[in-house]
Amino acid sequence: MKIALVTGASRGIGLAVAVALRARGMHVVRVARSLTDAAAERRTDIACDITKPADVERALARVEQQLGVPDVLVNNAGIFLIKLLAETTPADFASALTTNLTAAFLFARAIVPKMVARGSGHLVTIGSISDYIGFSGSTAYAASKFGLRGMHEVIRQETAKSGVRTTLISPGPVDTDIWDPVDPDSKPGFTKRKDMMRAEDVAAAVVYAVTQPEHVAVTEIRLLPTVYSPRG
């Protein structure tokens, strides 16, 4: 049975990905700060503050001891921030980088080399449309997501011919609770929530990528709503 570890898996896209992979017969390790340590059939929940290296190390040691090195790592956890440059504080910027980029680095650094040593594995990075387009008001968010794309591209080069596959999934607006404080329906230029994609759409892309034959590498997937505003 394959083991999949999904970060930020308590809600939104991460939860949808965890549900979808479990439905495909994988044992899913859900990692999130808001979870309570628990276990069920083909599911392990681990409470972990992904921004703290000691927490990540402790969580991954438990996973490896109980289940082994994951076959699939989905780096999904992240925060969303819309602020103009002048309104973005150093704390805002640091928080976006730590949660969206550094945490993904911590998990990849701990797991991918072990996948390489084994000769198999799959790293999936959940990026964003903001990892290739810069939108006004997304200084910190775009910096973190562009950084995530850069890191993922380097990992792809470093793992070439190792048996480890890598996929970057870059979705446009997805209707999750991250939009609650933004209220895009009341703002001109934003995609309305009824027109946004669903978390399950991104989860389906993850499933597609990780279930291809071993000789097929789905290196990147970009998703957009059919009805889309260029603002996001």
Protein backbone atom coordinates (compact mmCIF):
# COMPACT_ATOMS: atom_id res chain seq x y z
CA MET A 1 0.00 0.00 0.00
CA LYS A 2 1.36 3.40 -0.95
CA ILE A 3 1.82 6.09 1.68
CA ALA A 4 0.90 9.69 0.87
CA LEU A 5 1.71 12.62 3.14
CA VAL A 6 -0.31 15.80 2.64
CA THR A 7 0.48 19.05 4.44
CA GLY A 8 -2.22 21.53 5.32
CA ALA A 9 -4.69 18.67 5.11
CA SER A 10 -7.28 19.78 7.66
CA ARG A 11 -9.33 21.86 5.23
CA GLY A 12 -9.60 23.24 1.71
CA ILE A 13 -7.43 21.83 -1.03
CA GLY A 14 -5.32 19.74 1.34
CA LEU A 15 -8.32 17.98 2.80
CA ALA A 16 -9.76 17.31 -0.67
CA VAL A 17 -6.41 15.87 -1.80
CA ALA A 18 -6.20 13.64 1.28
CA VAL A 19 -9.72 12.33 0.72
CA ALA A 20 -9.07 11.67 -2.97
CA LEU A 21 -5.80 9.81 -2.42
CA ARG A 22 -7.31 7.70 0.33
CA ALA A 23 -10.17 6.84 -2.02
CA ARG A 24 -7.54 5.51 -4.44
CA GLY A 25 -6.34 3.04 -1.81
CA MET A 26 -3.43 4.95 -0.30
CA HIS A 27 -2.70 5.31 3.38
CA VAL A 28 -2.85 9.07 3.86
CA VAL A 29 -0.94 10.98 6.51
CA ARG A 30 -2.67 14.29 7.12
CA VAL A 31 -0.44 16.95 8.65
CA ALA A 32 -1.73 20.27 9.97
CA ARG A 33 -1.45 22.45 13.04
CA SER A 34 -5.20 22.26 13.71
CA LEU A 35 -5.40 18.46 13.65
CA THR A 36 -5.37 16.16 16.67
CA ASP A 37 -3.11 13.11 16.61
CA ALA A 38 -5.33 10.22 15.57
CA ALA A 39 -5.44 7.08 13.45
CA ALA A 40 -8.13 5.37 11.39
CA GLU A 41 -8.22 2.86 8.55
CA ARG A 42 -5.66 4.02 5.99
CA ARG A 43 -5.35 7.42 7.64
CA THR A 44 -3.01 8.95 10.18
CA ASP A 45 -3.49 12.48 11.50
CA ILE A 46 -0.53 14.35 12.97
CA ALA A 47 -0.66 17.73 14.65
CA CYS A 48 2.32 19.73 13.44
CA ASP A 49 3.28 23.37 13.15
CA ILE A 50 4.88 23.19 9.71
CA THR A 51 6.76 26.45 10.28
CA LYS A 52 8.81 24.93 13.11
CA PRO A 53 11.67 22.65 12.02
CA ALA A 54 11.59 20.69 15.28
CA ASP A 55 7.87 19.96 14.84
CA VAL A 56 8.42 18.83 11.26
CA GLU A 57 11.34 16.61 12.26
CA ARG A 58 9.30 15.05 15.05
CA ALA A 59 6.29 14.41 12.80
CA LEU A 60 8.36 12.86 10.03
CA ALA A 61 10.26 10.64 12.44
CA ARG A 62 6.93 9.26 13.60
CA VAL A 63 5.76 8.68 10.03
CA GLU A 64 8.94 6.87 9.06
CA GLN A 65 8.93 4.74 12.19
CA GLN A 66 5.30 3.70 11.87
CA LEU A 67 4.76 3.63 8.11
CA GLY A 68 8.04 4.16 6.28
CA VAL A 69 9.16 6.82 3.81
CA PRO A 70 6.11 8.23 1.99
CA ASP A 71 5.62 7.31 -1.65
CA VAL A 72 3.88 10.61 -2.32
CA LEU A 73 4.54 13.98 -0.70
CA VAL A 74 2.01 16.74 -1.39
CA ASN A 75 3.37 20.09 -0.26
CA ASN A 76 0.11 21.98 -0.02
CA ALA A 77 0.08 24.01 3.20
CA GLY A 78 0.01 27.75 2.76
CA ILE A 79 -1.53 31.08 3.67
CA PHE A 80 -3.14 33.69 1.40
CA LEU A 81 -2.51 37.39 1.73
CA ILE A 82 -3.74 40.37 -0.31
CA LYS A 83 -2.01 43.61 0.60
CA LEU A 84 -0.36 46.35 -1.43
CA LEU A 85 3.39 46.76 -1.04
CA ALA A 86 3.06 49.79 1.23
CA GLU A 87 0.61 47.92 3.48
CA THR A 88 2.65 44.71 3.70
CA THR A 89 4.58 44.61 6.95
CA PRO A 90 7.88 42.79 7.41
CA ALA A 91 5.96 40.34 9.62
CA ASP A 92 3.44 39.73 6.81
CA PHE A 93 6.23 39.06 4.35
CA ALA A 94 8.11 36.76 6.70
CA SER A 95 4.95 34.83 7.54
CA ALA A 96 4.13 34.21 3.87
CA LEU A 97 7.64 33.02 3.10
CA THR A 98 7.85 30.81 6.18
CA THR A 99 4.49 29.11 5.68
CA ASN A 100 4.36 28.88 1.89
CA LEU A 101 8.01 28.30 1.05
CA THR A 102 10.20 27.35 4.00
CA ALA A 103 7.76 24.71 5.25
CA ALA A 104 7.71 23.07 1.81
CA PHE A 105 11.52 23.10 1.85
CA LEU A 106 11.59 21.39 5.26
CA PHE A 107 9.37 18.53 4.10
CA ALA A 108 11.07 18.15 0.72
CA ARG A 109 14.55 18.22 2.24
CA ALA A 110 13.61 15.51 4.73
CA ILE A 111 11.74 13.19 2.37
CA VAL A 112 12.95 13.60 -1.23
CA PRO A 113 16.54 12.37 -0.63
CA LYS A 114 15.09 9.20 0.90
CA MET A 115 12.86 8.78 -2.14
CA VAL A 116 15.95 9.13 -4.33
CA ALA A 117 17.82 6.54 -2.27
CA ARG A 118 14.87 4.17 -2.67
CA GLY A 119 14.59 4.91 -6.39
CA SER A 120 10.94 5.90 -6.36
CA GLY A 121 8.55 8.55 -5.08
CA HIS A 122 6.52 11.52 -6.17
CA LEU A 123 6.74 15.13 -5.00
CA VAL A 124 3.66 17.22 -5.73
CA THR A 125 3.86 20.94 -5.10
CA ILE A 126 0.64 22.93 -4.91
CA GLY A 127 1.54 26.30 -6.31
CA SER A 128 -0.80 28.97 -7.59
CA ILE A 129 -1.49 31.12 -10.61
CA SER A 130 0.62 33.54 -8.56
CA ASP A 131 3.68 31.37 -9.14
CA TYR A 132 3.82 32.60 -12.76
CA ILE A 133 1.71 35.82 -12.82
CA GLY A 134 2.16 38.80 -10.52
CA PHE A 135 -1.05 40.46 -9.35
CA SER A 136 -1.34 43.85 -7.67
CA GLY A 137 -1.70 43.37 -3.94
CA SER A 138 0.20 40.09 -3.77
CA THR A 139 3.75 41.16 -2.93
CA ALA A 140 4.31 38.62 -0.17
CA TYR A 141 2.11 35.88 -1.62
CA ALA A 142 3.68 36.05 -5.09
CA ALA A 143 7.19 36.13 -3.65
CA SER A 144 6.48 32.92 -1.76
CA LYS A 145 4.82 31.19 -4.71
CA PHE A 146 7.41 32.24 -7.28
CA GLY A 147 9.99 30.95 -4.81
CA LEU A 148 8.09 27.68 -4.54
CA ARG A 149 8.17 27.29 -8.32
CA GLY A 150 11.92 27.98 -8.36
CA MET A 151 12.61 25.46 -5.63
CA HIS A 152 10.46 22.86 -7.33
CA GLU A 153 12.25 23.34 -10.66
CA VAL A 154 15.63 22.81 -8.99
CA ILE A 155 14.38 19.67 -7.23
CA ARG A 156 13.15 18.42 -10.59
CA GLN A 157 16.64 18.84 -12.03
CA GLU A 158 18.32 17.24 -9.02
CA THR A 159 16.05 14.19 -9.10
CA ALA A 160 16.16 13.62 -12.86
CA LYS A 161 16.75 9.95 -13.72
CA SER A 162 16.47 8.96 -10.06
CA GLY A 163 13.04 7.36 -10.31
CA VAL A 164 11.46 10.24 -8.37
CA ARG A 165 8.81 12.21 -10.22
CA THR A 166 7.84 15.82 -9.56
CA THR A 167 4.68 17.75 -10.39
CA LEU A 168 3.89 21.42 -9.92
CA ILE A 169 0.16 22.16 -9.87
CA SER A 170 -0.72 25.83 -10.30
CA PRO A 171 -4.43 26.50 -9.83
CA GLY A 172 -6.25 29.77 -10.34
CA PRO A 173 -8.93 30.83 -7.83
CA VAL A 174 -10.43 27.96 -5.84
CA ASP A 175 -13.50 28.47 -3.67
CA THR A 176 -12.24 27.75 -0.17
CA ASP A 177 -12.45 29.67 3.09
CA ILE A 178 -9.26 31.61 2.30
CA TRP A 179 -11.51 33.94 0.33
CA ASP A 180 -13.80 34.71 3.27
CA PRO A 181 -11.91 37.81 4.48
CA VAL A 182 -11.41 39.02 0.90
CA ASP A 183 -15.07 38.80 -0.19
CA PRO A 184 -14.29 38.72 -3.93
CA ASP A 185 -17.98 38.93 -4.85
CA SER A 186 -18.03 42.53 -3.63
CA LYS A 187 -14.86 43.60 -5.44
CA PRO A 188 -14.61 44.48 -9.14
CA GLY A 189 -12.10 42.50 -11.13
CA PHE A 190 -12.19 39.37 -8.97
CA THR A 191 -13.58 36.02 -10.09
CA LYS A 192 -16.88 35.46 -8.33
CA ARG A 193 -16.98 32.53 -5.94
CA LYS A 194 -19.66 30.72 -7.90
CA ASP A 195 -17.32 30.72 -10.90
CA MET A 196 -14.25 29.54 -9.01
CA MET A 197 -12.96 26.00 -9.13
CA ARG A 198 -13.58 23.61 -6.25
CA ALA A 199 -10.98 22.00 -4.05
CA GLU A 200 -11.95 18.65 -5.55
CA ASP A 201 -10.85 19.89 -8.98
CA VAL A 202 -7.30 20.40 -7.72
CA ALA A 203 -7.44 17.05 -5.92
CA ALA A 204 -8.39 15.38 -9.21
CA ALA A 205 -5.29 16.88 -10.82
CA VAL A 206 -3.12 15.49 -8.02
CA VAL A 207 -4.65 12.03 -8.45
CA TYR A 208 -4.10 12.20 -12.20
CA ALA A 209 -0.43 13.08 -11.78
CA VAL A 210 0.44 10.45 -9.18
CA THR A 211 -1.46 7.59 -10.82
CA GLN A 212 0.22 7.74 -14.22
CA PRO A 213 2.40 4.80 -15.27
CA GLU A 214 5.93 4.97 -13.89
CA HIS A 215 7.34 5.87 -17.30
CA VAL A 216 5.13 9.00 -17.49
CA ALA A 217 6.05 12.21 -15.67
CA VAL A 218 3.40 14.91 -15.44
CA THR A 219 5.74 17.80 -14.75
CA GLU A 220 3.26 20.67 -14.50
CA ILE A 221 -0.48 21.27 -14.48
CA ARG A 222 -2.15 24.69 -14.73
CA LEU A 223 -5.81 24.98 -13.85
CA LEU A 224 -8.16 27.92 -14.39
CA PRO A 225 -11.90 28.37 -14.00
CA THR A 226 -13.79 28.45 -17.28
CA VAL A 227 -15.15 31.88 -16.31
CA TYR A 228 -12.12 33.74 -15.10
CA SER A 229 -11.26 37.32 -14.21
CA PRO A 230 -7.64 38.36 -14.88
CA ARG A 231 -7.43 39.77 -11.34
CA GLY A 232 -7.72 36.34 -9.73
